[in-house]
Amino acid sequence: MSDWMTSGADAPCSPTTISHDRRVRRRAGWLKLGAPTLCIAVLLSVPLMQSVAARDRGQFANTSPDLKAWFDSLRSGKGPCCSDADGSAVSDVDWESNSGHYKVRIDGTWLDVPDEAVITVPNRVGRTMVWPIQGSSGTLIRCFMPGSMT
């Protein structure tokens, strides 16, 4: 009797060959299921990404580089405020301070400003600004910079 190498037959299935074949089939199965699932997940997340996207309406296009860098460095206890393009100026009648806590009116609704959202560095522009985030649970305030209330 000759061995499999000299007889020209295929190699016997060893445990490592079987295990490799199963891994290859398993990967191929996930690819078939994974691609459509991934596409659906991306398509469903696009509206969410658009709702929290930065609003650059070009209103600060002529801002000096120094002031732009200052805006970009602003942070509250909730994290970076992003930039001046994400924030909105607030009229004096649309915000108030009471005992060190702030409220701001956004789209006709008064919202309490969380203490951790208040920017504590000196206000270099003088006007009150708010960085709201529109999410599925409503409007949240990421950053708030009180002005001089003149």
N, C-alpha and C. Protein backbone atom coordinates (compact mmCIF):
# COMPACT_ATOMS: atom_id res chain seq x y z
N MET A 1 0.84 -1.17 0.00
CA MET A 1 0.00 0.00 0.00
C MET A 1 0.88 1.23 0.00
N SER A 2 0.58 2.19 -0.88
CA SER A 2 1.37 3.41 -0.95
C SER A 2 0.72 4.49 -0.10
N ASP A 3 1.54 5.45 0.22
CA ASP A 3 0.96 6.55 0.99
C ASP A 3 0.31 7.57 0.05
N TRP A 4 -0.42 8.51 0.56
CA TRP A 4 -1.19 9.46 -0.24
C TRP A 4 -0.31 10.36 -1.08
N MET A 5 0.93 10.63 -0.65
CA MET A 5 1.81 11.52 -1.39
C MET A 5 2.27 10.89 -2.69
N THR A 6 2.62 9.61 -2.66
CA THR A 6 3.13 8.95 -3.85
C THR A 6 2.02 8.46 -4.76
N SER A 7 0.78 8.33 -4.26
CA SER A 7 -0.31 7.83 -5.08
C SER A 7 -0.97 8.94 -5.90
N GLY A 8 -0.66 10.20 -5.62
CA GLY A 8 -1.24 11.31 -6.35
C GLY A 8 -2.60 11.72 -5.85
N ALA A 9 -3.03 11.17 -4.73
CA ALA A 9 -4.34 11.53 -4.17
C ALA A 9 -4.23 12.84 -3.41
N ASP A 10 -5.39 13.40 -3.13
CA ASP A 10 -5.42 14.63 -2.34
C ASP A 10 -5.02 14.32 -0.91
N ALA A 11 -4.52 15.33 -0.26
CA ALA A 11 -4.11 15.18 1.13
C ALA A 11 -5.33 14.90 1.99
N PRO A 12 -5.16 14.07 3.01
CA PRO A 12 -6.29 13.81 3.91
C PRO A 12 -6.66 15.09 4.66
N CYS A 13 -7.88 15.14 5.11
CA CYS A 13 -8.35 16.30 5.87
C CYS A 13 -7.79 16.23 7.27
N SER A 14 -6.96 17.15 7.57
CA SER A 14 -6.44 17.23 8.93
C SER A 14 -7.28 18.22 9.72
N PRO A 15 -7.19 18.17 11.03
CA PRO A 15 -7.97 19.11 11.84
C PRO A 15 -7.68 20.57 11.48
N THR A 16 -6.43 20.89 11.12
CA THR A 16 -6.12 22.29 10.77
C THR A 16 -6.75 22.67 9.44
N THR A 17 -6.83 21.74 8.48
CA THR A 17 -7.46 22.03 7.20
C THR A 17 -8.95 22.25 7.38
N ILE A 18 -9.60 21.41 8.16
CA ILE A 18 -11.04 21.55 8.40
C ILE A 18 -11.31 22.88 9.09
N SER A 19 -10.53 23.19 10.09
CA SER A 19 -10.75 24.43 10.83
C SER A 19 -10.54 25.65 9.92
N HIS A 20 -9.56 25.59 9.03
CA HIS A 20 -9.33 26.70 8.09
C HIS A 20 -10.52 26.84 7.13
N ASP A 21 -11.02 25.71 6.61
CA ASP A 21 -12.16 25.75 5.70
C ASP A 21 -13.40 26.34 6.38
N ARG A 22 -13.63 25.98 7.61
CA ARG A 22 -14.79 26.53 8.34
C ARG A 22 -14.65 28.03 8.52
N ARG A 23 -13.44 28.48 8.83
CA ARG A 23 -13.22 29.93 9.00
C ARG A 23 -13.49 30.68 7.70
N VAL A 24 -13.05 30.13 6.59
CA VAL A 24 -13.26 30.78 5.29
C VAL A 24 -14.75 30.87 4.98
N ARG A 25 -15.48 29.76 5.19
CA ARG A 25 -16.93 29.77 4.94
C ARG A 25 -17.64 30.74 5.88
N ARG A 26 -17.22 30.77 7.12
CA ARG A 26 -17.85 31.65 8.11
C ARG A 26 -17.65 33.12 7.71
N ARG A 27 -16.45 33.48 7.28
CA ARG A 27 -16.18 34.86 6.83
C ARG A 27 -17.03 35.20 5.62
N ALA A 28 -17.14 34.28 4.69
CA ALA A 28 -17.94 34.53 3.48
C ALA A 28 -19.40 34.75 3.86
N GLY A 29 -19.91 34.00 4.82
CA GLY A 29 -21.29 34.17 5.27
C GLY A 29 -21.52 35.53 5.90
N TRP A 30 -20.58 36.00 6.71
CA TRP A 30 -20.71 37.31 7.34
C TRP A 30 -20.64 38.42 6.31
N LEU A 31 -19.82 38.25 5.29
CA LEU A 31 -19.73 39.27 4.25
C LEU A 31 -21.06 39.43 3.53
N LYS A 32 -21.73 38.31 3.27
CA LYS A 32 -23.03 38.37 2.60
C LYS A 32 -24.05 39.10 3.46
N LEU A 33 -24.05 38.83 4.75
CA LEU A 33 -24.99 39.47 5.66
C LEU A 33 -24.50 40.86 6.05
N GLY A 34 -23.20 41.05 6.19
CA GLY A 34 -22.64 42.29 6.71
C GLY A 34 -22.77 43.48 5.78
N ALA A 35 -22.59 43.31 4.49
CA ALA A 35 -22.63 44.45 3.56
C ALA A 35 -24.01 45.11 3.54
N PRO A 36 -25.10 44.38 3.36
CA PRO A 36 -26.41 45.05 3.37
C PRO A 36 -26.73 45.67 4.74
N THR A 37 -26.35 44.97 5.80
CA THR A 37 -26.61 45.50 7.14
C THR A 37 -25.85 46.79 7.35
N LEU A 38 -24.60 46.83 6.92
CA LEU A 38 -23.79 48.04 7.05
C LEU A 38 -24.39 49.18 6.25
N CYS A 39 -24.83 48.91 5.03
CA CYS A 39 -25.44 49.95 4.19
C CYS A 39 -26.69 50.53 4.85
N ILE A 40 -27.52 49.66 5.40
CA ILE A 40 -28.74 50.12 6.06
C ILE A 40 -28.40 50.96 7.28
N ALA A 41 -27.41 50.54 8.06
CA ALA A 41 -27.01 51.30 9.25
C ALA A 41 -26.49 52.69 8.86
N VAL A 42 -25.71 52.78 7.81
CA VAL A 42 -25.20 54.08 7.35
C VAL A 42 -26.35 54.97 6.88
N LEU A 43 -27.26 54.42 6.10
CA LEU A 43 -28.38 55.21 5.60
C LEU A 43 -29.27 55.71 6.74
N LEU A 44 -29.47 54.91 7.76
CA LEU A 44 -30.29 55.32 8.88
C LEU A 44 -29.60 56.37 9.76
N SER A 45 -28.27 56.39 9.78
CA SER A 45 -27.56 57.34 10.63
C SER A 45 -27.36 58.70 9.97
N VAL A 46 -27.55 58.81 8.65
CA VAL A 46 -27.34 60.09 7.96
C VAL A 46 -28.24 61.19 8.51
N PRO A 47 -29.55 60.98 8.72
CA PRO A 47 -30.37 62.06 9.28
C PRO A 47 -29.90 62.50 10.66
N LEU A 48 -29.41 61.56 11.47
CA LEU A 48 -28.90 61.93 12.78
C LEU A 48 -27.67 62.80 12.68
N MET A 49 -26.78 62.48 11.75
CA MET A 49 -25.58 63.28 11.57
C MET A 49 -25.92 64.67 11.09
N GLN A 50 -26.92 64.80 10.22
CA GLN A 50 -27.30 66.10 9.71
C GLN A 50 -27.91 66.96 10.81
N SER A 51 -28.60 66.36 11.77
CA SER A 51 -29.25 67.15 12.81
C SER A 51 -28.25 67.76 13.78
N VAL A 52 -27.05 67.20 13.90
CA VAL A 52 -26.07 67.77 14.81
C VAL A 52 -24.89 68.38 14.06
N ALA A 53 -25.03 68.55 12.76
CA ALA A 53 -23.94 69.11 11.96
C ALA A 53 -23.76 70.59 12.29
N ALA A 54 -22.54 71.06 12.15
CA ALA A 54 -22.24 72.46 12.39
C ALA A 54 -22.93 73.34 11.36
N ARG A 55 -23.34 74.51 11.83
CA ARG A 55 -24.01 75.44 10.93
C ARG A 55 -23.02 76.55 10.56
N ASP A 56 -22.46 76.50 9.41
CA ASP A 56 -21.58 77.56 8.93
C ASP A 56 -22.32 78.30 7.84
N ARG A 57 -22.96 79.39 8.24
CA ARG A 57 -23.73 80.18 7.29
C ARG A 57 -22.88 81.29 6.67
N GLY A 58 -21.59 81.30 6.97
CA GLY A 58 -20.70 82.31 6.41
C GLY A 58 -20.76 83.64 7.14
N GLN A 59 -21.46 83.71 8.27
CA GLN A 59 -21.63 84.97 8.96
C GLN A 59 -20.34 85.47 9.62
N PHE A 60 -19.36 84.61 9.76
CA PHE A 60 -18.10 85.02 10.39
C PHE A 60 -16.92 84.87 9.43
N ALA A 61 -17.18 84.98 8.15
CA ALA A 61 -16.13 84.79 7.15
C ALA A 61 -15.03 85.83 7.26
N ASN A 62 -15.36 87.03 7.72
CA ASN A 62 -14.36 88.11 7.81
C ASN A 62 -13.77 88.26 9.20
N THR A 63 -13.89 87.24 10.04
CA THR A 63 -13.33 87.26 11.39
C THR A 63 -11.81 87.17 11.31
N SER A 64 -11.13 87.92 12.19
CA SER A 64 -9.67 87.88 12.19
C SER A 64 -9.18 86.50 12.59
N PRO A 65 -8.01 86.08 12.09
CA PRO A 65 -7.49 84.75 12.45
C PRO A 65 -7.29 84.58 13.96
N ASP A 66 -6.89 85.68 14.64
CA ASP A 66 -6.68 85.61 16.09
C ASP A 66 -8.00 85.34 16.82
N LEU A 67 -9.06 86.06 16.42
CA LEU A 67 -10.36 85.86 17.04
C LEU A 67 -10.93 84.48 16.69
N LYS A 68 -10.73 84.04 15.46
CA LYS A 68 -11.18 82.72 15.04
C LYS A 68 -10.50 81.64 15.87
N ALA A 69 -9.20 81.78 16.12
CA ALA A 69 -8.47 80.81 16.94
C ALA A 69 -9.00 80.81 18.37
N TRP A 70 -9.35 82.00 18.89
CA TRP A 70 -9.91 82.08 20.24
C TRP A 70 -11.26 81.34 20.30
N PHE A 71 -12.12 81.61 19.32
CA PHE A 71 -13.41 80.90 19.27
C PHE A 71 -13.19 79.39 19.20
N ASP A 72 -12.27 78.95 18.37
CA ASP A 72 -12.01 77.52 18.21
C ASP A 72 -11.50 76.88 19.50
N SER A 73 -10.88 77.68 20.38
CA SER A 73 -10.32 77.13 21.63
C SER A 73 -11.33 77.11 22.77
N LEU A 74 -12.50 77.71 22.59
CA LEU A 74 -13.48 77.78 23.67
C LEU A 74 -13.98 76.39 24.06
N ARG A 75 -14.08 76.19 25.38
CA ARG A 75 -14.54 74.92 25.94
C ARG A 75 -15.42 75.21 27.14
N SER A 76 -16.37 74.35 27.35
CA SER A 76 -17.14 74.38 28.58
C SER A 76 -16.88 73.06 29.29
N GLY A 77 -17.56 72.84 30.40
CA GLY A 77 -17.43 71.56 31.09
C GLY A 77 -18.01 70.41 30.28
N LYS A 78 -18.73 70.72 29.21
CA LYS A 78 -19.31 69.69 28.34
C LYS A 78 -18.41 69.38 27.15
N GLY A 79 -17.28 70.07 27.04
CA GLY A 79 -16.35 69.81 25.93
C GLY A 79 -16.16 71.03 25.07
N PRO A 80 -15.51 70.86 23.92
CA PRO A 80 -15.25 72.00 23.03
C PRO A 80 -16.55 72.56 22.45
N CYS A 81 -16.58 73.88 22.31
CA CYS A 81 -17.77 74.53 21.75
C CYS A 81 -17.76 74.47 20.24
N CYS A 82 -16.65 74.15 19.64
CA CYS A 82 -16.43 74.00 18.20
C CYS A 82 -15.90 75.30 17.61
N SER A 83 -16.75 76.26 17.27
CA SER A 83 -16.25 77.52 16.74
C SER A 83 -17.38 78.54 16.73
N ASP A 84 -17.04 79.74 16.27
CA ASP A 84 -18.06 80.79 16.21
C ASP A 84 -19.17 80.44 15.23
N ALA A 85 -18.87 79.65 14.21
CA ALA A 85 -19.88 79.29 13.21
C ALA A 85 -20.96 78.39 13.80
N ASP A 86 -20.64 77.68 14.88
CA ASP A 86 -21.62 76.81 15.52
C ASP A 86 -22.48 77.56 16.53
N GLY A 87 -21.97 78.68 17.03
CA GLY A 87 -22.68 79.45 18.04
C GLY A 87 -23.59 80.49 17.42
N SER A 88 -24.52 80.96 18.23
CA SER A 88 -25.45 82.01 17.80
C SER A 88 -25.42 83.13 18.82
N ALA A 89 -25.42 84.36 18.33
CA ALA A 89 -25.49 85.52 19.21
C ALA A 89 -26.90 85.58 19.79
N VAL A 90 -26.99 86.01 21.05
CA VAL A 90 -28.27 86.08 21.75
C VAL A 90 -28.52 87.54 22.14
N SER A 91 -29.70 88.05 21.85
CA SER A 91 -30.08 89.40 22.26
C SER A 91 -30.23 89.45 23.78
N ASP A 92 -30.04 90.64 24.35
CA ASP A 92 -30.14 90.78 25.80
C ASP A 92 -31.51 90.35 26.34
N VAL A 93 -32.57 90.53 25.57
CA VAL A 93 -33.91 90.15 26.04
C VAL A 93 -34.11 88.64 26.00
N ASP A 94 -33.18 87.91 25.40
CA ASP A 94 -33.33 86.45 25.26
C ASP A 94 -32.45 85.65 26.22
N TRP A 95 -31.89 86.32 27.22
CA TRP A 95 -31.17 85.58 28.25
C TRP A 95 -31.27 86.34 29.56
N GLU A 96 -31.13 85.60 30.66
CA GLU A 96 -31.18 86.23 31.97
C GLU A 96 -30.31 85.47 32.94
N SER A 97 -29.92 86.18 33.99
CA SER A 97 -29.10 85.60 35.04
C SER A 97 -29.83 85.78 36.36
N ASN A 98 -29.82 84.72 37.17
CA ASN A 98 -30.44 84.79 38.48
C ASN A 98 -29.63 83.93 39.44
N SER A 99 -29.02 84.57 40.42
CA SER A 99 -28.21 83.87 41.44
C SER A 99 -27.10 83.03 40.81
N GLY A 100 -26.47 83.53 39.78
CA GLY A 100 -25.36 82.83 39.15
C GLY A 100 -25.76 81.74 38.18
N HIS A 101 -27.04 81.57 37.92
CA HIS A 101 -27.52 80.59 36.95
C HIS A 101 -28.14 81.33 35.78
N TYR A 102 -28.07 80.72 34.62
CA TYR A 102 -28.53 81.39 33.40
C TYR A 102 -29.70 80.65 32.76
N LYS A 103 -30.51 81.44 32.05
CA LYS A 103 -31.56 80.92 31.18
C LYS A 103 -31.40 81.61 29.84
N VAL A 104 -31.76 80.90 28.78
CA VAL A 104 -31.67 81.46 27.44
C VAL A 104 -32.92 81.05 26.66
N ARG A 105 -33.40 81.98 25.84
CA ARG A 105 -34.58 81.67 25.02
C ARG A 105 -34.10 81.28 23.62
N ILE A 106 -34.45 80.07 23.22
CA ILE A 106 -34.09 79.56 21.90
C ILE A 106 -35.38 79.14 21.21
N ASP A 107 -35.64 79.70 20.06
CA ASP A 107 -36.85 79.41 19.29
C ASP A 107 -38.11 79.57 20.14
N GLY A 108 -38.13 80.63 20.96
CA GLY A 108 -39.30 80.94 21.76
C GLY A 108 -39.44 80.16 23.05
N THR A 109 -38.52 79.25 23.34
CA THR A 109 -38.59 78.43 24.55
C THR A 109 -37.43 78.78 25.48
N TRP A 110 -37.75 79.03 26.75
CA TRP A 110 -36.72 79.31 27.74
C TRP A 110 -36.11 77.99 28.22
N LEU A 111 -34.79 77.92 28.18
CA LEU A 111 -34.06 76.73 28.62
C LEU A 111 -33.10 77.12 29.73
N ASP A 112 -33.01 76.27 30.77
CA ASP A 112 -31.99 76.47 31.79
C ASP A 112 -30.64 76.08 31.22
N VAL A 113 -29.66 76.92 31.46
CA VAL A 113 -28.30 76.62 31.00
C VAL A 113 -27.62 75.78 32.09
N PRO A 114 -27.19 74.57 31.76
CA PRO A 114 -26.47 73.77 32.77
C PRO A 114 -25.20 74.50 33.21
N ASP A 115 -24.89 74.43 34.48
CA ASP A 115 -23.70 75.12 35.00
C ASP A 115 -22.44 74.70 34.26
N GLU A 116 -22.35 73.42 33.89
CA GLU A 116 -21.14 72.95 33.21
C GLU A 116 -21.04 73.45 31.76
N ALA A 117 -22.12 74.05 31.23
CA ALA A 117 -22.09 74.57 29.86
C ALA A 117 -21.59 76.01 29.80
N VAL A 118 -21.46 76.67 30.95
CA VAL A 118 -21.04 78.07 30.99
C VAL A 118 -19.55 78.19 30.74
N ILE A 119 -19.18 79.03 29.78
CA ILE A 119 -17.78 79.30 29.47
C ILE A 119 -17.27 80.31 30.50
N THR A 120 -16.16 80.01 31.13
CA THR A 120 -15.67 80.86 32.22
C THR A 120 -14.54 81.79 31.83
N VAL A 121 -14.02 81.69 30.61
CA VAL A 121 -12.97 82.61 30.19
C VAL A 121 -13.59 83.97 29.84
N PRO A 122 -12.81 85.06 29.92
CA PRO A 122 -13.37 86.37 29.59
C PRO A 122 -13.92 86.41 28.15
N ASN A 123 -15.05 87.08 28.00
CA ASN A 123 -15.73 87.20 26.71
C ASN A 123 -15.04 88.29 25.89
N ARG A 124 -14.34 87.91 24.84
CA ARG A 124 -13.60 88.87 24.01
C ARG A 124 -14.47 89.58 22.98
N VAL A 125 -15.69 89.11 22.75
CA VAL A 125 -16.55 89.75 21.76
C VAL A 125 -17.65 90.58 22.41
N GLY A 126 -17.88 90.40 23.70
CA GLY A 126 -18.85 91.21 24.42
C GLY A 126 -20.30 90.75 24.30
N ARG A 127 -20.65 90.09 23.25
CA ARG A 127 -22.05 89.66 23.09
C ARG A 127 -22.26 88.27 23.66
N THR A 128 -23.48 88.02 24.07
CA THR A 128 -23.85 86.71 24.61
C THR A 128 -23.96 85.73 23.45
N MET A 129 -23.45 84.53 23.66
CA MET A 129 -23.52 83.51 22.62
C MET A 129 -23.92 82.18 23.24
N VAL A 130 -24.61 81.38 22.44
CA VAL A 130 -25.02 80.05 22.86
C VAL A 130 -24.72 79.07 21.74
N TRP A 131 -24.32 77.88 22.12
CA TRP A 131 -24.04 76.79 21.18
C TRP A 131 -25.05 75.68 21.45
N PRO A 132 -26.23 75.75 20.82
CA PRO A 132 -27.23 74.71 21.05
C PRO A 132 -26.98 73.50 20.16
N ILE A 133 -27.45 72.37 20.62
CA ILE A 133 -27.39 71.14 19.83
C ILE A 133 -28.82 70.61 19.73
N GLN A 134 -29.26 70.41 18.50
CA GLN A 134 -30.58 69.84 18.28
C GLN A 134 -30.43 68.32 18.21
N GLY A 135 -31.07 67.63 19.12
CA GLY A 135 -30.99 66.18 19.13
C GLY A 135 -32.38 65.57 19.19
N SER A 136 -32.43 64.27 19.30
CA SER A 136 -33.71 63.57 19.34
C SER A 136 -34.48 63.88 20.62
N SER A 137 -33.78 64.30 21.67
CA SER A 137 -34.46 64.64 22.93
C SER A 137 -34.72 66.14 23.05
N GLY A 138 -34.56 66.88 21.97
CA GLY A 138 -34.82 68.33 21.99
C GLY A 138 -33.53 69.12 21.91
N THR A 139 -33.60 70.37 22.34
CA THR A 139 -32.45 71.27 22.28
C THR A 139 -31.65 71.16 23.56
N LEU A 140 -30.37 70.91 23.41
CA LEU A 140 -29.43 70.87 24.53
C LEU A 140 -28.45 72.01 24.36
N ILE A 141 -27.94 72.54 25.45
CA ILE A 141 -26.96 73.63 25.37
C ILE A 141 -25.60 73.08 25.68
N ARG A 142 -24.73 73.12 24.67
CA ARG A 142 -23.36 72.62 24.84
C ARG A 142 -22.49 73.67 25.50
N CYS A 143 -22.62 74.93 25.06
CA CYS A 143 -21.83 76.02 25.62
C CYS A 143 -22.69 77.28 25.69
N PHE A 144 -22.39 78.11 26.69
CA PHE A 144 -23.05 79.40 26.85
C PHE A 144 -22.03 80.40 27.34
N MET A 145 -21.94 81.54 26.66
CA MET A 145 -20.99 82.57 27.03
C MET A 145 -21.79 83.85 27.32
N PRO A 146 -21.91 84.23 28.60
CA PRO A 146 -22.68 85.42 28.93
C PRO A 146 -22.01 86.68 28.38
N GLY A 147 -22.84 87.63 28.04
CA GLY A 147 -22.35 88.91 27.54
C GLY A 147 -22.38 89.97 28.63
N SER A 148 -22.36 91.22 28.19
CA SER A 148 -22.28 92.32 29.15
C SER A 148 -23.65 92.86 29.56
N MET A 149 -24.73 92.43 28.90
CA MET A 149 -26.10 92.87 29.19
C MET A 149 -26.21 94.40 29.17
N THR A 150 -25.81 94.99 28.06
CA THR A 150 -25.89 96.45 27.95
C THR A 150 -27.21 96.90 27.38
